Amino acid sequence: MKPIIGISSWRGLATTDELAVPHLLTHASYVRAVEKAGGLPIVLPELVPDDVGGLLERVDGVVLVGGPDVDPRRYGESPVPETECASPERDAFDIALAQQCVERDIALLAICRGVQVLNVALGGSLTQHVPEHMVRERWNEDVHPVEIEPGSALLGIVEAGQIGTNSLHHQALRDLGSRARAVAHSSDGTVEAIEIDGARRVLGVQWHPELLRHRSEHLALFKRVVELAESTS
């Protein structure tokens, strides 16, 4: 039986029959990447934090997806003009999801906003605007290389000390949260991936591997989640 991989979603308006009505939203590229990696994807509804534990009892692994900025007040700062905050409800759900995956060492791949959520959930902070890292028009191409630390789990997953990645973020990790360890950097020193001490199944990356799933080194991140989830399902 394929392991069940929960993919986070958010509440938002989408147009149906020319009417904007509330939907649960997530991007199909995450679903396709999990399918291609051998998992059974399901969409996790955005719930109140108290219900996250029960949700995690019903899945074997999690993908925490990208999206708008984490509210800087979550790490004690005011928003700069370029920051576009997600809803408070989405921040609360995503942060609770990240915290409980770490506490339970549930297989987790946190992507773009997801790795930022993970860092904030562990007490870390973000740099609110790094515009040179937002290159939308090259969403499925290499924008810059990422150097991966020797001895990291990530190195074993992608089987290379350097990989090319896309770059679709305008914020970046600054102060790392408790137990978070940087395991990859871009050439300007930006943290591109973190692992969590004491939670070996948790990994966060700043790029969007779901958009590069046609390449083995990026699909390998999803295969890892599926394999770790399978071992505990």
C-alpha atoms as a PDB file:
ATOM      1  CA  MET A   1       0.000   0.000   0.000  1.00  0.00           C
ATOM      2  CA  LYS A   2       1.405   3.395  -0.971  1.00  0.00           C
ATOM      3  CA  PRO A   3       2.225   5.745   1.913  1.00  0.00           C
ATOM      4  CA  ILE A   4      -0.149   8.688   2.270  1.00  0.00           C
ATOM      5  CA  ILE A   5       1.563  12.053   1.862  1.00  0.00           C
ATOM      6  CA  GLY A   6      -0.417  15.061   3.052  1.00  0.00           C
ATOM      7  CA  ILE A   7       0.052  18.263   1.062  1.00  0.00           C
ATOM      8  CA  SER A   8      -0.780  21.487   2.881  1.00  0.00           C
ATOM      9  CA  SER A   9      -3.399  23.850   1.483  1.00  0.00           C
ATOM     10  CA  TRP A  10      -4.896  27.224   2.257  1.00  0.00           C
ATOM     11  CA  ARG A  11      -8.297  28.862   2.144  1.00  0.00           C
ATOM     12  CA  GLY A  12      -8.830  31.298  -0.708  1.00  0.00           C
ATOM     13  CA  LEU A  13     -11.213  32.439  -3.398  1.00  0.00           C
ATOM     14  CA  ALA A  14     -11.361  30.704  -6.776  1.00  0.00           C
ATOM     15  CA  THR A  15     -13.730  31.336  -9.653  1.00  0.00           C
ATOM     16  CA  THR A  16     -16.425  28.750 -10.336  1.00  0.00           C
ATOM     17  CA  ASP A  17     -19.199  29.487 -12.842  1.00  0.00           C
ATOM     18  CA  GLU A  18     -18.045  33.104 -12.876  1.00  0.00           C
ATOM     19  CA  LEU A  19     -18.457  33.388  -9.115  1.00  0.00           C
ATOM     20  CA  ALA A  20     -15.552  33.835  -6.673  1.00  0.00           C
ATOM     21  CA  VAL A  21     -16.227  31.283  -3.955  1.00  0.00           C
ATOM     22  CA  PRO A  22     -14.118  29.931  -1.063  1.00  0.00           C
ATOM     23  CA  HIS A  23     -11.904  26.967  -1.936  1.00  0.00           C
ATOM     24  CA  LEU A  24      -9.138  24.923  -0.410  1.00  0.00           C
ATOM     25  CA  LEU A  25      -6.148  25.612  -2.650  1.00  0.00           C
ATOM     26  CA  THR A  26      -2.821  23.987  -3.401  1.00  0.00           C
ATOM     27  CA  HIS A  27      -0.779  23.657  -6.588  1.00  0.00           C
ATOM     28  CA  ALA A  28      -1.133  20.503  -8.680  1.00  0.00           C
ATOM     29  CA  SER A  29       2.656  20.343  -9.195  1.00  0.00           C
ATOM     30  CA  TYR A  30       3.107  19.143  -5.595  1.00  0.00           C
ATOM     31  CA  VAL A  31       0.556  16.382  -6.155  1.00  0.00           C
ATOM     32  CA  ARG A  32       2.241  15.311  -9.387  1.00  0.00           C
ATOM     33  CA  ALA A  33       5.673  15.203  -7.731  1.00  0.00           C
ATOM     34  CA  VAL A  34       4.399  13.001  -4.902  1.00  0.00           C
ATOM     35  CA  GLU A  35       2.667  10.708  -7.421  1.00  0.00           C
ATOM     36  CA  LYS A  36       5.817  10.450  -9.514  1.00  0.00           C
ATOM     37  CA  ALA A  37       7.813   9.608  -6.382  1.00  0.00           C
ATOM     38  CA  GLY A  38       5.487   6.696  -5.575  1.00  0.00           C
ATOM     39  CA  GLY A  39       3.344   8.210  -2.837  1.00  0.00           C
ATOM     40  CA  LEU A  40      -0.402   8.641  -2.503  1.00  0.00           C
ATOM     41  CA  PRO A  41      -1.045  12.402  -2.203  1.00  0.00           C
ATOM     42  CA  ILE A  42      -3.965  13.890  -0.318  1.00  0.00           C
ATOM     43  CA  VAL A  43      -4.678  17.563   0.333  1.00  0.00           C
ATOM     44  CA  LEU A  44      -4.680  18.626   3.980  1.00  0.00           C
ATOM     45  CA  PRO A  45      -7.348  21.244   4.756  1.00  0.00           C
ATOM     46  CA  GLU A  46      -6.287  24.399   6.563  1.00  0.00           C
ATOM     47  CA  LEU A  47      -7.562  23.715  10.087  1.00  0.00           C
ATOM     48  CA  VAL A  48      -7.170  25.325  13.499  1.00  0.00           C
ATOM     49  CA  PRO A  49      -3.910  24.354  15.250  1.00  0.00           C
ATOM     50  CA  ASP A  50      -5.706  22.163  17.815  1.00  0.00           C
ATOM     51  CA  ASP A  51      -6.768  19.811  15.010  1.00  0.00           C
ATOM     52  CA  VAL A  52      -3.337  19.387  13.459  1.00  0.00           C
ATOM     53  CA  GLY A  53      -2.394  16.479  15.712  1.00  0.00           C
ATOM     54  CA  GLY A  54      -5.415  14.470  14.647  1.00  0.00           C
ATOM     55  CA  LEU A  55      -4.675  15.230  11.012  1.00  0.00           C
ATOM     56  CA  LEU A  56      -1.122  13.943  11.347  1.00  0.00           C
ATOM     57  CA  GLU A  57      -2.385  10.673  12.826  1.00  0.00           C
ATOM     58  CA  ARG A  58      -3.928   9.929   9.428  1.00  0.00           C
ATOM     59  CA  VAL A  59      -0.968  10.554   7.111  1.00  0.00           C
ATOM     60  CA  ASP A  60       2.491   9.025   6.783  1.00  0.00           C
ATOM     61  CA  GLY A  61       4.346  12.108   5.568  1.00  0.00           C
ATOM     62  CA  VAL A  62       3.841  15.801   4.765  1.00  0.00           C
ATOM     63  CA  VAL A  63       4.768  18.344   2.111  1.00  0.00           C
ATOM     64  CA  LEU A  64       4.547  21.917   3.425  1.00  0.00           C
ATOM     65  CA  VAL A  65       4.091  24.102   0.366  1.00  0.00           C
ATOM     66  CA  GLY A  66       5.100  27.565  -0.810  1.00  0.00           C
ATOM     67  CA  GLY A  67       3.059  30.752  -0.804  1.00  0.00           C
ATOM     68  CA  PRO A  68       2.890  34.280   0.670  1.00  0.00           C
ATOM     69  CA  ASP A  69       5.150  35.595   3.403  1.00  0.00           C
ATOM     70  CA  VAL A  70       5.040  34.574   7.039  1.00  0.00           C
ATOM     71  CA  ASP A  71       3.845  37.535   9.105  1.00  0.00           C
ATOM     72  CA  PRO A  72       7.063  39.072  10.551  1.00  0.00           C
ATOM     73  CA  ARG A  73       5.266  39.682  13.840  1.00  0.00           C
ATOM     74  CA  ARG A  74       5.665  35.927  14.310  1.00  0.00           C
ATOM     75  CA  TYR A  75       9.382  36.580  14.832  1.00  0.00           C
ATOM     76  CA  GLY A  76       9.097  39.966  16.535  1.00  0.00           C
ATOM     77  CA  GLU A  77       9.384  42.376  13.598  1.00  0.00           C
ATOM     78  CA  SER A  78       7.123  44.735  11.687  1.00  0.00           C
ATOM     79  CA  PRO A  79       6.468  44.098   7.989  1.00  0.00           C
ATOM     80  CA  VAL A  80       8.500  46.075   5.452  1.00  0.00           C
ATOM     81  CA  PRO A  81       6.573  47.467   2.441  1.00  0.00           C
ATOM     82  CA  GLU A  82       7.543  44.518   0.217  1.00  0.00           C
ATOM     83  CA  THR A  83       6.200  41.879   2.617  1.00  0.00           C
ATOM     84  CA  GLU A  84       2.852  40.353   1.632  1.00  0.00           C
ATOM     85  CA  CYS A  85       1.612  38.403   4.619  1.00  0.00           C
ATOM     86  CA  ALA A  86      -0.404  35.235   4.420  1.00  0.00           C
ATOM     87  CA  SER A  87      -3.583  35.090   6.458  1.00  0.00           C
ATOM     88  CA  PRO A  88      -3.141  34.648  10.217  1.00  0.00           C
ATOM     89  CA  GLU A  89      -5.086  31.383   9.954  1.00  0.00           C
ATOM     90  CA  ARG A  90      -2.701  29.972   7.360  1.00  0.00           C
ATOM     91  CA  ASP A  91       0.345  30.984   9.399  1.00  0.00           C
ATOM     92  CA  ALA A  92      -1.138  29.347  12.499  1.00  0.00           C
ATOM     93  CA  PHE A  93      -1.949  26.107  10.663  1.00  0.00           C
ATOM     94  CA  ASP A  94       1.398  25.856   8.860  1.00  0.00           C
ATOM     95  CA  ILE A  95       3.424  26.661  11.983  1.00  0.00           C
ATOM     96  CA  ALA A  96       1.539  24.053  14.028  1.00  0.00           C
ATOM     97  CA  LEU A  97       2.058  21.529  11.222  1.00  0.00           C
ATOM     98  CA  ALA A  98       5.803  22.202  11.142  1.00  0.00           C
ATOM     99  CA  GLN A  99       6.176  22.113  14.934  1.00  0.00           C
ATOM    100  CA  GLN A 100       4.352  18.805  15.299  1.00  0.00           C
ATOM    101  CA  CYS A 101       6.254  17.177  12.433  1.00  0.00           C
ATOM    102  CA  VAL A 102       9.474  18.115  14.233  1.00  0.00           C
ATOM    103  CA  GLU A 103       8.191  16.963  17.638  1.00  0.00           C
ATOM    104  CA  ARG A 104       7.045  13.605  16.213  1.00  0.00           C
ATOM    105  CA  ASP A 105       9.827  13.328  13.606  1.00  0.00           C
ATOM    106  CA  ILE A 106       7.262  12.809  10.857  1.00  0.00           C
ATOM    107  CA  ALA A 107       8.623  12.728   7.305  1.00  0.00           C
ATOM    108  CA  LEU A 108       8.389  16.345   6.136  1.00  0.00           C
ATOM    109  CA  LEU A 109       9.570  18.187   3.043  1.00  0.00           C
ATOM    110  CA  ALA A 110       9.152  21.935   3.594  1.00  0.00           C
ATOM    111  CA  ILE A 111       9.378  23.951   0.361  1.00  0.00           C
ATOM    112  CA  CYS A 112      10.067  27.705  -0.103  1.00  0.00           C
ATOM    113  CA  ARG A 113       7.533  29.369   2.250  1.00  0.00           C
ATOM    114  CA  GLY A 114       7.487  25.970   3.935  1.00  0.00           C
ATOM    115  CA  VAL A 115      11.155  26.121   4.969  1.00  0.00           C
ATOM    116  CA  GLN A 116      10.609  29.691   6.167  1.00  0.00           C
ATOM    117  CA  VAL A 117       7.620  28.525   8.227  1.00  0.00           C
ATOM    118  CA  LEU A 118       9.728  25.689   9.620  1.00  0.00           C
ATOM    119  CA  ASN A 119      12.478  28.077  10.669  1.00  0.00           C
ATOM    120  CA  VAL A 120      10.043  30.528  12.287  1.00  0.00           C
ATOM    121  CA  ALA A 121       8.239  27.652  14.017  1.00  0.00           C
ATOM    122  CA  LEU A 122      11.553  26.772  15.688  1.00  0.00           C
ATOM    123  CA  GLY A 123      12.176  30.349  16.836  1.00  0.00           C
ATOM    124  CA  GLY A 124      14.171  31.611  13.847  1.00  0.00           C
ATOM    125  CA  SER A 125      13.790  34.767  11.756  1.00  0.00           C
ATOM    126  CA  LEU A 126      13.753  35.841   8.103  1.00  0.00           C
ATOM    127  CA  THR A 127      15.271  38.525   5.926  1.00  0.00           C
ATOM    128  CA  GLN A 128      12.164  40.171   4.538  1.00  0.00           C
ATOM    129  CA  HIS A 129      13.293  41.216   1.062  1.00  0.00           C
ATOM    130  CA  VAL A 130      15.946  39.745  -1.225  1.00  0.00           C
ATOM    131  CA  PRO A 131      14.559  40.678  -4.660  1.00  0.00           C
ATOM    132  CA  GLU A 132      17.457  39.199  -6.624  1.00  0.00           C
ATOM    133  CA  HIS A 133      16.236  35.712  -5.635  1.00  0.00           C
ATOM    134  CA  MET A 134      12.815  36.101  -7.261  1.00  0.00           C
ATOM    135  CA  VAL A 135      13.131  35.009 -10.895  1.00  0.00           C
ATOM    136  CA  ARG A 136       9.600  34.003 -11.892  1.00  0.00           C
ATOM    137  CA  GLU A 137      10.167  33.707 -15.621  1.00  0.00           C
ATOM    138  CA  ARG A 138      12.681  30.869 -15.117  1.00  0.00           C
ATOM    139  CA  TRP A 139      10.465  28.809 -12.810  1.00  0.00           C
ATOM    140  CA  ASN A 140      11.607  25.435 -14.202  1.00  0.00           C
ATOM    141  CA  GLU A 141      15.205  26.308 -15.065  1.00  0.00           C
ATOM    142  CA  ASP A 142      18.489  26.643 -13.213  1.00  0.00           C
ATOM    143  CA  VAL A 143      18.877  30.169 -11.878  1.00  0.00           C
ATOM    144  CA  HIS A 144      21.861  29.581  -9.612  1.00  0.00           C
ATOM    145  CA  PRO A 145      23.890  26.718  -8.139  1.00  0.00           C
ATOM    146  CA  VAL A 146      23.428  25.510  -4.574  1.00  0.00           C
ATOM    147  CA  GLU A 147      26.394  24.133  -2.638  1.00  0.00           C
ATOM    148  CA  ILE A 148      25.537  21.225  -0.330  1.00  0.00           C
ATOM    149  CA  GLU A 149      27.399  20.570   2.912  1.00  0.00           C
ATOM    150  CA  PRO A 150      29.508  17.414   3.248  1.00  0.00           C
ATOM    151  CA  GLY A 151      28.042  14.904   5.697  1.00  0.00           C
ATOM    152  CA  SER A 152      24.488  16.203   5.334  1.00  0.00           C
ATOM    153  CA  ALA A 153      21.493  13.998   4.648  1.00  0.00           C
ATOM    154  CA  LEU A 154      20.748  16.246   1.670  1.00  0.00           C
ATOM    155  CA  LEU A 155      24.056  15.318   0.058  1.00  0.00           C
ATOM    156  CA  GLY A 156      23.112  11.652   0.242  1.00  0.00           C
ATOM    157  CA  ILE A 157      19.681  12.354  -1.227  1.00  0.00           C
ATOM    158  CA  VAL A 158      20.720  14.345  -4.312  1.00  0.00           C
ATOM    159  CA  GLU A 159      24.076  12.545  -4.661  1.00  0.00           C
ATOM    160  CA  ALA A 160      25.939  15.709  -5.649  1.00  0.00           C
ATOM    161  CA  GLY A 161      27.861  18.447  -3.858  1.00  0.00           C
ATOM    162  CA  GLN A 162      26.347  21.097  -6.103  1.00  0.00           C
ATOM    163  CA  ILE A 163      23.019  21.264  -7.923  1.00  0.00           C
ATOM    164  CA  GLY A 164      21.285  23.891 -10.022  1.00  0.00           C
ATOM    165  CA  THR A 165      17.978  25.212  -8.738  1.00  0.00           C
ATOM    166  CA  ASN A 166      15.198  27.610  -9.631  1.00  0.00           C
ATOM    167  CA  SER A 167      14.678  30.648  -7.392  1.00  0.00           C
ATOM    168  CA  LEU A 168      11.171  31.885  -6.599  1.00  0.00           C
ATOM    169  CA  HIS A 169      11.479  33.573  -3.223  1.00  0.00           C
ATOM    170  CA  HIS A 170      11.956  37.178  -2.130  1.00  0.00           C
ATOM    171  CA  GLN A 171      12.584  36.331   1.533  1.00  0.00           C
ATOM    172  CA  ALA A 172      15.280  34.153   3.073  1.00  0.00           C
ATOM    173  CA  LEU A 173      16.300  32.508   6.327  1.00  0.00           C
ATOM    174  CA  ARG A 174      18.305  34.784   8.620  1.00  0.00           C
ATOM    175  CA  ASP A 175      18.731  33.581  12.212  1.00  0.00           C
ATOM    176  CA  LEU A 176      18.250  29.831  12.361  1.00  0.00           C
ATOM    177  CA  GLY A 177      15.735  28.385  14.765  1.00  0.00           C
ATOM    178  CA  SER A 178      16.506  25.962  17.576  1.00  0.00           C
ATOM    179  CA  ARG A 179      17.969  22.667  16.277  1.00  0.00           C
ATOM    180  CA  ALA A 180      17.969  23.932  12.669  1.00  0.00           C
ATOM    181  CA  ARG A 181      21.231  23.415  10.786  1.00  0.00           C
ATOM    182  CA  ALA A 182      22.075  24.974   7.410  1.00  0.00           C
ATOM    183  CA  VAL A 183      23.134  22.295   4.920  1.00  0.00           C
ATOM    184  CA  ALA A 184      23.100  24.207   1.626  1.00  0.00           C
ATOM    185  CA  HIS A 185      23.884  27.738   0.469  1.00  0.00           C
ATOM    186  CA  SER A 186      23.790  29.793  -2.708  1.00  0.00           C
ATOM    187  CA  SER A 187      26.920  31.696  -3.744  1.00  0.00           C
ATOM    188  CA  ASP A 188      25.834  34.870  -1.908  1.00  0.00           C
ATOM    189  CA  GLY A 189      25.556  32.952   1.374  1.00  0.00           C
ATOM    190  CA  THR A 190      21.770  32.589   1.410  1.00  0.00           C
ATOM    191  CA  VAL A 191      20.681  29.463   3.286  1.00  0.00           C
ATOM    192  CA  GLU A 192      19.046  27.140   0.764  1.00  0.00           C
ATOM    193  CA  ALA A 193      18.297  24.094   2.940  1.00  0.00           C
ATOM    194  CA  ILE A 194      18.067  23.103   6.583  1.00  0.00           C
ATOM    195  CA  GLU A 195      17.996  19.870   8.514  1.00  0.00           C
ATOM    196  CA  ILE A 196      16.775  19.536  12.093  1.00  0.00           C
ATOM    197  CA  ASP A 197      18.823  17.952  14.869  1.00  0.00           C
ATOM    198  CA  GLY A 198      16.803  15.196  16.536  1.00  0.00           C
ATOM    199  CA  ALA A 199      14.266  15.051  13.693  1.00  0.00           C
ATOM    200  CA  ARG A 200      16.071  13.221  10.904  1.00  0.00           C
ATOM    201  CA  ARG A 201      12.932  12.863   8.771  1.00  0.00           C
ATOM    202  CA  VAL A 202      12.467  16.651   8.493  1.00  0.00           C
ATOM    203  CA  LEU A 203      14.077  18.601   5.641  1.00  0.00           C
ATOM    204  CA  GLY A 204      13.444  22.079   4.277  1.00  0.00           C
ATOM    205  CA  VAL A 205      14.589  23.576   0.953  1.00  0.00           C
ATOM    206  CA  GLN A 206      14.272  27.127  -0.305  1.00  0.00           C
ATOM    207  CA  TRP A 207      13.794  26.294  -4.001  1.00  0.00           C
ATOM    208  CA  HIS A 208      10.835  24.591  -5.698  1.00  0.00           C
ATOM    209  CA  PRO A 209      11.770  20.971  -6.523  1.00  0.00           C
ATOM    210  CA  GLU A 210       8.192  20.136  -7.559  1.00  0.00           C
ATOM    211  CA  LEU A 211       8.715  22.346 -10.626  1.00  0.00           C
ATOM    212  CA  LEU A 212      11.945  20.471 -11.425  1.00  0.00           C
ATOM    213  CA  ARG A 213      10.569  16.971 -10.855  1.00  0.00           C
ATOM    214  CA  HIS A 214      11.692  15.952 -14.348  1.00  0.00           C
ATOM    215  CA  ARG A 215      15.254  15.916 -12.955  1.00  0.00           C
ATOM    216  CA  SER A 216      16.344  13.040 -10.738  1.00  0.00           C
ATOM    217  CA  GLU A 217      18.136  15.146  -8.110  1.00  0.00           C
ATOM    218  CA  HIS A 218      14.965  17.132  -7.407  1.00  0.00           C
ATOM    219  CA  LEU A 219      12.515  14.244  -7.629  1.00  0.00           C
ATOM    220  CA  ALA A 220      14.797  12.511  -5.097  1.00  0.00           C
ATOM    221  CA  LEU A 221      13.538  14.919  -2.411  1.00  0.00           C
ATOM    222  CA  PHE A 222      10.006  13.617  -2.869  1.00  0.00           C
ATOM    223  CA  LYS A 223      11.205  10.015  -3.089  1.00  0.00           C
ATOM    224  CA  ARG A 224      12.884  10.523   0.288  1.00  0.00           C
ATOM    225  CA  VAL A 225       9.629  11.657   1.910  1.00  0.00           C
ATOM    226  CA  VAL A 226       7.812   8.656   0.418  1.00  0.00           C
ATOM    227  CA  GLU A 227      10.490   6.183   1.518  1.00  0.00           C
ATOM    228  CA  LEU A 228      10.663   7.550   5.067  1.00  0.00           C
ATOM    229  CA  ALA A 229       6.869   7.623   5.289  1.00  0.00           C
ATOM    230  CA  GLU A 230       6.718   4.045   4.014  1.00  0.00           C
ATOM    231  CA  SER A 231       9.054   2.888   6.762  1.00  0.00           C
ATOM    232  CA  THR A 232       6.661   4.198   9.444  1.00  0.00           C
ATOM    233  CA  SER A 233       3.295   3.480   7.800  1.00  0.00           C
END
